[in-house]
Amino acid sequence: MTTQMPTLSFDLGTLDDKAQQGSENNIVKERIKGVQSYAIMPPYGKDHGGALHHKFVIHWGLIGENGKPKPVSCSYPEEKFCPICKRVFEAEDRIKRLKDTGGSKEEIEGLTKFVIDFKRKNNFLYNAVTVDGRVVILEIGVTAHDELRKKIAETVNQKGIDPCNLAAPVWYQFSRDGKGLDTTYKVDFKRVTVMVEGEQLEKIDRTPINADLAKRIQAQLNGATGPLYDIHSLYESRTAAELQGYLDGKPVPQKAKAVGGSTVPAAAAAPIASAPAVEDDIPKFSAPNISAEMERLRSLEAQQKG
């Protein structure tokens, strides 16, 4: 059976990593903990290129001007060299040699901590809506991102649905299990039970988001201010020379706001129609509202019985 392709609100091709190289908002990020469901929002932000997500390669372990941990972008994707990555590779190599030669436990532990703190991490950011009607930045790793993009491609290619249709979005259920290296992620369609001719059947949950929220999001996509985040400019690019300075002890400066392609101090930035999200020192991760999810399911069940 041939499925007719829907008119999409995003560029499906940007889900391929090869194509992704490179305000009223207080930043709220969420990571997957347990089982959570989200609706993915249409592309938004400076130079989004039709992409639903943005990939950042980030290093932690450095300290900002306020004395708190400060994440920075890796310089390797743009310059093909990163002094932090180089230092991490050297530490990993030394750990191996120390283990082979019976080196001191203290030195191995110290080097291991450095690797854990400074090793680059691939983060994929999406604008998403939670089941209780909050707009958040969904931050996921490589495994969860791969699962999600496959499910979105299935939504489009096999089911002929635009998952980012604000009037009838597709809700995706994320699940995380295990700890550490044994952690696994799965992404599936969130489903609801409906009665069809007296038979209980499951269908993909396409419950509309709150009408007022949908209106604000659509207005923002048309140029007004709104709740979506500019995920494409969340982290400022850093050069290898800058990163070397931070490794040598120079504190990481606060991010400047990008205005019209140039970077100026935040205090001097002129207001723009849709202010980009500003990177916070330590991302805030909020827990999903489980009670709201249960209440929504009970409401659906009551409507079906009625």
Protein backbone atom coordinates (compact mmCIF):
# COMPACT_ATOMS: atom_id res chain seq x y z
CA MET A 1 0.00 0.00 0.00
CA THR A 2 1.34 3.42 -0.97
CA THR A 3 0.94 6.11 1.67
CA GLN A 4 0.45 9.65 0.45
CA MET A 5 3.12 11.95 1.80
CA PRO A 6 1.74 14.71 4.03
CA THR A 7 2.63 18.37 3.67
CA LEU A 8 5.26 18.75 6.39
CA SER A 9 6.05 21.65 8.69
CA PHE A 10 9.72 20.62 8.77
CA ASP A 11 12.46 19.19 6.55
CA LEU A 12 12.50 15.42 7.08
CA GLY A 13 16.00 15.21 5.62
CA THR A 14 17.48 17.16 8.53
CA LEU A 15 16.91 14.16 10.81
CA ASP A 16 19.93 12.65 9.11
CA ASP A 17 23.00 13.70 11.12
CA LYS A 18 24.94 14.21 7.88
CA ALA A 19 22.60 17.11 7.14
CA GLN A 20 23.07 18.57 10.63
CA GLN A 21 26.74 19.36 10.91
CA GLY A 22 27.65 21.94 12.48
CA SER A 23 11.48 36.70 25.11
CA GLU A 24 9.25 35.06 27.57
CA ASN A 25 11.55 32.18 27.96
CA ASN A 26 13.36 31.11 31.09
CA ILE A 27 15.24 28.09 29.80
CA VAL A 28 13.70 24.83 30.95
CA LYS A 29 15.34 21.61 29.80
CA GLU A 30 14.16 18.09 30.37
CA ARG A 31 16.04 14.82 30.13
CA ILE A 32 14.43 11.43 29.97
CA LYS A 33 13.96 9.86 33.38
CA GLY A 34 11.71 6.83 33.39
CA VAL A 35 8.70 7.13 31.06
CA GLN A 36 7.73 10.53 29.61
CA SER A 37 5.69 11.71 26.63
CA TYR A 38 6.18 14.74 24.39
CA ALA A 39 4.86 16.36 21.23
CA ILE A 40 7.69 17.68 19.05
CA MET A 41 7.19 21.26 17.85
CA PRO A 42 7.83 22.64 14.34
CA PRO A 43 11.22 24.17 13.46
CA TYR A 44 11.95 27.50 15.09
CA GLY A 45 15.03 29.65 15.60
CA LYS A 46 17.72 31.48 13.69
CA ASP A 47 18.81 29.64 10.53
CA HIS A 48 16.89 26.51 11.54
CA GLY A 49 16.96 25.18 7.97
CA GLY A 50 13.74 23.24 8.53
CA ALA A 51 15.34 21.11 11.26
CA LEU A 52 13.39 19.93 14.27
CA HIS A 53 16.55 19.53 16.33
CA HIS A 54 20.01 20.96 16.76
CA LYS A 55 23.09 18.96 17.62
CA PHE A 56 25.65 20.44 19.99
CA VAL A 57 28.97 18.87 20.97
CA ILE A 58 29.59 20.06 24.51
CA HIS A 59 32.37 19.92 27.09
CA TRP A 60 31.69 20.25 30.80
CA GLY A 61 34.30 20.49 33.54
CA LEU A 62 35.24 24.15 32.99
CA ILE A 63 34.36 27.04 35.32
CA GLY A 64 32.52 30.23 34.41
CA GLU A 65 33.06 33.79 35.56
CA ASN A 66 30.56 33.22 38.38
CA GLY A 67 32.60 30.30 39.74
CA LYS A 68 30.06 27.68 38.63
CA PRO A 69 30.47 24.86 36.08
CA LYS A 70 30.01 26.18 32.55
CA PRO A 71 29.40 24.07 29.43
CA VAL A 72 31.23 25.09 26.25
CA SER A 73 30.99 24.02 22.61
CA CYS A 74 33.70 21.74 21.28
CA SER A 75 35.82 23.36 18.57
CA TYR A 76 36.45 20.11 16.67
CA PRO A 77 33.31 20.16 14.45
CA GLU A 78 34.38 23.51 12.96
CA GLU A 79 38.18 23.54 13.27
CA LYS A 80 38.94 19.80 13.28
CA PHE A 81 40.98 20.33 16.43
CA CYS A 82 40.00 20.72 20.06
CA PRO A 83 42.55 21.06 22.88
CA ILE A 84 40.08 19.61 25.41
CA CYS A 85 39.50 16.51 23.28
CA LYS A 86 43.28 16.20 22.85
CA ARG A 87 43.78 16.37 26.61
CA VAL A 88 41.06 13.74 27.14
CA PHE A 89 42.63 11.39 24.57
CA GLU A 90 46.00 11.78 26.28
CA ALA A 91 44.44 11.01 29.65
CA GLU A 92 42.69 7.92 28.27
CA ASP A 93 45.94 6.71 26.75
CA ARG A 94 47.81 7.25 30.00
CA ILE A 95 45.12 5.39 31.97
CA LYS A 96 45.59 2.38 29.66
CA ARG A 97 49.36 2.45 30.06
CA LEU A 98 49.12 2.80 33.83
CA LYS A 99 46.76 -0.18 34.02
CA ASP A 100 49.12 -2.23 31.84
CA THR A 101 52.14 -1.35 33.98
CA GLY A 102 50.47 -1.43 37.39
CA GLY A 103 50.34 2.33 37.93
CA SER A 104 49.06 3.95 41.12
CA LYS A 105 45.37 3.71 41.89
CA GLU A 106 45.25 7.39 42.85
CA GLU A 107 46.64 8.59 39.52
CA ILE A 108 44.30 6.33 37.56
CA GLU A 109 41.30 7.59 39.54
CA GLY A 110 42.34 11.21 39.05
CA LEU A 111 42.74 10.78 35.30
CA THR A 112 39.45 8.88 35.08
CA LYS A 113 37.64 11.72 36.83
CA PHE A 114 39.16 14.19 34.37
CA VAL A 115 37.95 12.11 31.43
CA ILE A 116 34.44 11.85 32.86
CA ASP A 117 34.29 15.61 33.56
CA PHE A 118 35.75 16.82 30.26
CA LYS A 119 34.90 14.21 27.60
CA ARG A 120 32.71 15.71 24.91
CA LYS A 121 29.02 14.87 24.90
CA ASN A 122 26.66 14.93 21.93
CA ASN A 123 23.41 16.68 22.84
CA PHE A 124 20.35 16.85 20.60
CA LEU A 125 17.87 19.58 21.45
CA TYR A 126 14.20 19.74 20.44
CA ASN A 127 11.39 22.16 21.19
CA ALA A 128 8.72 19.99 22.77
CA VAL A 129 5.45 20.23 24.68
CA THR A 130 4.78 18.10 27.74
CA VAL A 131 1.48 16.37 28.49
CA ASP A 132 0.72 19.06 31.08
CA GLY A 133 1.15 21.86 28.55
CA ARG A 134 4.67 23.18 29.16
CA VAL A 135 7.09 24.12 26.39
CA VAL A 136 10.55 22.73 27.19
CA ILE A 137 13.85 21.99 25.52
CA LEU A 138 14.02 18.22 25.26
CA GLU A 139 17.69 17.31 25.55
CA ILE A 140 18.56 13.76 24.54
CA GLY A 141 21.66 11.78 23.68
CA VAL A 142 22.61 9.88 20.55
CA THR A 143 20.65 6.69 21.31
CA ALA A 144 17.36 8.41 22.13
CA HIS A 145 17.80 10.77 19.17
CA ASP A 146 18.30 7.84 16.79
CA GLU A 147 15.18 6.18 18.18
CA LEU A 148 13.14 9.38 17.83
CA ARG A 149 14.19 10.20 14.28
CA LYS A 150 13.34 6.66 13.15
CA LYS A 151 9.91 6.97 14.73
CA ILE A 152 9.34 10.40 13.13
CA ALA A 153 10.36 8.98 9.74
CA GLU A 154 7.89 6.12 10.28
CA THR A 155 5.19 8.65 11.16
CA VAL A 156 5.73 10.47 7.87
CA ASN A 157 6.65 7.70 5.43
CA GLN A 158 4.41 4.88 6.62
CA LYS A 159 1.49 6.67 8.23
CA GLY A 160 1.39 9.83 6.13
CA ILE A 161 1.17 12.14 9.14
CA ASP A 162 2.94 15.40 9.95
CA PRO A 163 3.84 14.79 13.61
CA CYS A 164 4.26 18.52 14.26
CA ASN A 165 0.75 19.51 13.24
CA LEU A 166 -0.28 21.80 16.11
CA ALA A 167 -3.95 20.89 15.71
CA ALA A 168 -3.27 17.15 15.91
CA PRO A 169 0.32 16.41 16.97
CA VAL A 170 1.75 12.94 17.39
CA TRP A 171 2.72 12.20 20.98
CA TYR A 172 5.89 10.15 21.43
CA GLN A 173 6.59 8.11 24.54
CA PHE A 174 10.20 7.97 25.73
CA SER A 175 11.42 5.37 28.20
CA ARG A 176 14.74 5.05 29.96
CA ASP A 177 15.89 1.94 31.76
CA GLY A 178 19.11 0.96 33.52
CA LYS A 179 22.06 2.99 34.75
CA GLY A 180 25.45 4.05 33.49
CA LEU A 181 26.73 2.08 30.52
CA ASP A 182 23.72 -0.26 30.81
CA THR A 183 21.21 2.56 30.19
CA THR A 184 18.79 1.94 27.32
CA TYR A 185 16.34 4.31 25.63
CA LYS A 186 13.25 3.52 23.62
CA VAL A 187 10.86 5.76 21.72
CA ASP A 188 7.40 4.66 20.61
CA PHE A 189 4.06 6.18 19.79
CA LYS A 190 2.04 7.13 22.82
CA ARG A 191 -1.23 5.27 22.48
CA VAL A 192 -4.76 5.65 23.81
CA THR A 193 -7.56 3.08 23.98
CA VAL A 194 -10.77 3.80 22.06
CA MET A 195 -14.00 1.88 21.61
CA VAL A 196 -14.87 0.92 18.02
CA GLU A 197 -18.12 -1.00 17.56
CA GLY A 198 -17.88 -2.32 21.08
CA GLU A 199 -14.24 -3.39 20.71
CA GLN A 200 -11.33 -1.79 22.55
CA LEU A 201 -8.62 -0.69 20.14
CA GLU A 202 -5.39 1.23 20.57
CA LYS A 203 -4.56 4.24 18.42
CA ILE A 204 -1.78 6.78 18.29
CA ASP A 205 -2.41 9.63 20.70
CA ARG A 206 -3.01 12.78 18.65
CA THR A 207 -4.61 14.82 21.41
CA PRO A 208 -4.42 18.53 20.52
CA ILE A 209 -2.27 20.72 22.71
CA ASN A 210 -3.96 23.51 24.63
CA ALA A 211 -5.70 25.84 22.17
CA ASP A 212 -4.21 29.00 23.68
CA LEU A 213 -0.71 27.52 23.66
CA ALA A 214 -1.13 26.39 20.05
CA LYS A 215 -2.23 29.91 19.11
CA ARG A 216 0.83 31.46 20.78
CA ILE A 217 3.17 28.97 19.10
CA GLN A 218 1.65 29.61 15.67
CA ALA A 219 1.95 33.36 16.21
CA GLN A 220 5.61 32.91 17.13
CA LEU A 221 6.25 30.86 14.00
CA ASN A 222 4.81 33.82 12.09
CA GLY A 223 7.22 36.30 13.73
CA ALA A 224 5.74 37.22 17.10
CA THR A 225 7.24 36.46 20.48
CA GLY A 226 6.22 33.19 22.09
CA PRO A 227 7.18 30.18 24.18
CA LEU A 228 9.48 28.32 21.75
CA TYR A 229 13.25 28.39 22.26
CA ASP A 230 15.92 29.20 19.70
CA ILE A 231 17.65 25.86 20.16
CA HIS A 232 19.99 26.61 17.25
CA SER A 233 21.83 29.39 19.10
CA LEU A 234 21.73 28.05 22.64
CA TYR A 235 25.47 27.44 22.93
CA GLU A 236 28.00 29.90 21.56
CA SER A 237 30.73 28.62 19.23
CA ARG A 238 34.21 28.52 20.75
CA THR A 239 37.58 28.47 19.00
CA ALA A 240 40.38 26.09 19.86
CA ALA A 241 42.41 29.05 21.12
CA GLU A 242 39.58 30.05 23.48
CA LEU A 243 39.25 26.52 24.81
CA GLN A 244 43.00 26.34 25.42
CA GLY A 245 42.73 29.50 27.49
CA TYR A 246 39.94 27.98 29.58
CA LEU A 247 42.03 24.84 30.12
CA ASP A 248 44.87 27.07 31.30
CA GLY A 249 42.61 28.57 33.96
CA LYS A 250 40.84 31.47 32.27
CA PRO A 251 37.18 31.54 33.35
CA VAL A 252 34.56 30.98 30.67
CA PRO A 253 32.74 34.29 30.01
CA GLN A 254 28.99 34.67 29.99
CA LYS A 255 27.45 34.23 26.57
CA ALA A 256 26.67 37.30 24.48
CA LYS A 257 23.41 37.50 22.57
CA ALA A 258 23.51 37.07 18.81
CA VAL A 259 21.87 39.92 16.90
CA GLY A 260 21.65 39.88 13.11
CA GLY A 261 24.51 37.44 12.77
CA SER A 262 26.90 39.44 14.99
CA THR A 263 27.67 38.93 18.64
CA VAL A 264 27.39 41.78 21.13
CA PRO A 265 27.32 41.99 24.92
CA ALA A 266 23.94 41.00 26.32
CA ALA A 267 23.39 44.43 27.89
CA ALA A 268 23.85 46.17 24.54
CA ALA A 269 21.66 43.84 22.50
CA ALA A 270 18.60 45.54 21.03
CA PRO A 271 15.20 43.86 21.45
CA ILE A 272 14.17 41.62 18.56
CA ALA A 273 10.85 40.00 17.67
CA SER A 274 11.79 36.54 18.93
CA ALA A 275 14.57 36.73 21.48
CA PRO A 276 16.97 33.76 21.33
CA ALA A 277 17.23 31.59 24.41
CA VAL A 278 20.20 32.48 26.59
CA GLU A 279 22.47 29.71 27.80
CA ASP A 280 22.26 29.21 31.54
CA ASP A 281 25.22 28.19 33.66
CA ILE A 282 23.69 24.95 34.89
CA PRO A 283 20.74 23.73 32.81
CA LYS A 284 17.50 23.39 34.75
CA PHE A 285 15.85 20.01 34.34
CA SER A 286 12.25 19.76 35.49
CA ALA A 287 10.43 16.54 36.27
CA PRO A 288 7.37 15.58 34.21
CA ASN A 289 3.97 16.09 35.84
CA ILE A 290 2.84 12.49 36.32
CA SER A 291 -0.43 13.45 38.03
CA ALA A 292 -1.41 15.59 35.03
CA GLU A 293 -0.76 12.66 32.72
CA MET A 294 -2.94 10.33 34.81
CA GLU A 295 -5.71 12.92 34.99
CA ARG A 296 -5.66 13.35 31.21
CA LEU A 297 -5.92 9.59 30.68
CA ARG A 298 -8.84 9.38 33.13
CA SER A 299 -10.54 12.22 31.24
CA LEU A 300 -10.12 10.39 27.92
CA GLU A 301 -11.50 7.21 29.43
CA ALA A 302 -14.53 9.08 30.80
CA GLN A 303 -15.21 10.64 27.39
CA GLN A 304 -15.09 7.23 25.70
CA LYS A 305 -17.52 5.74 28.21
CA GLY A 306 -19.82 8.73 27.75
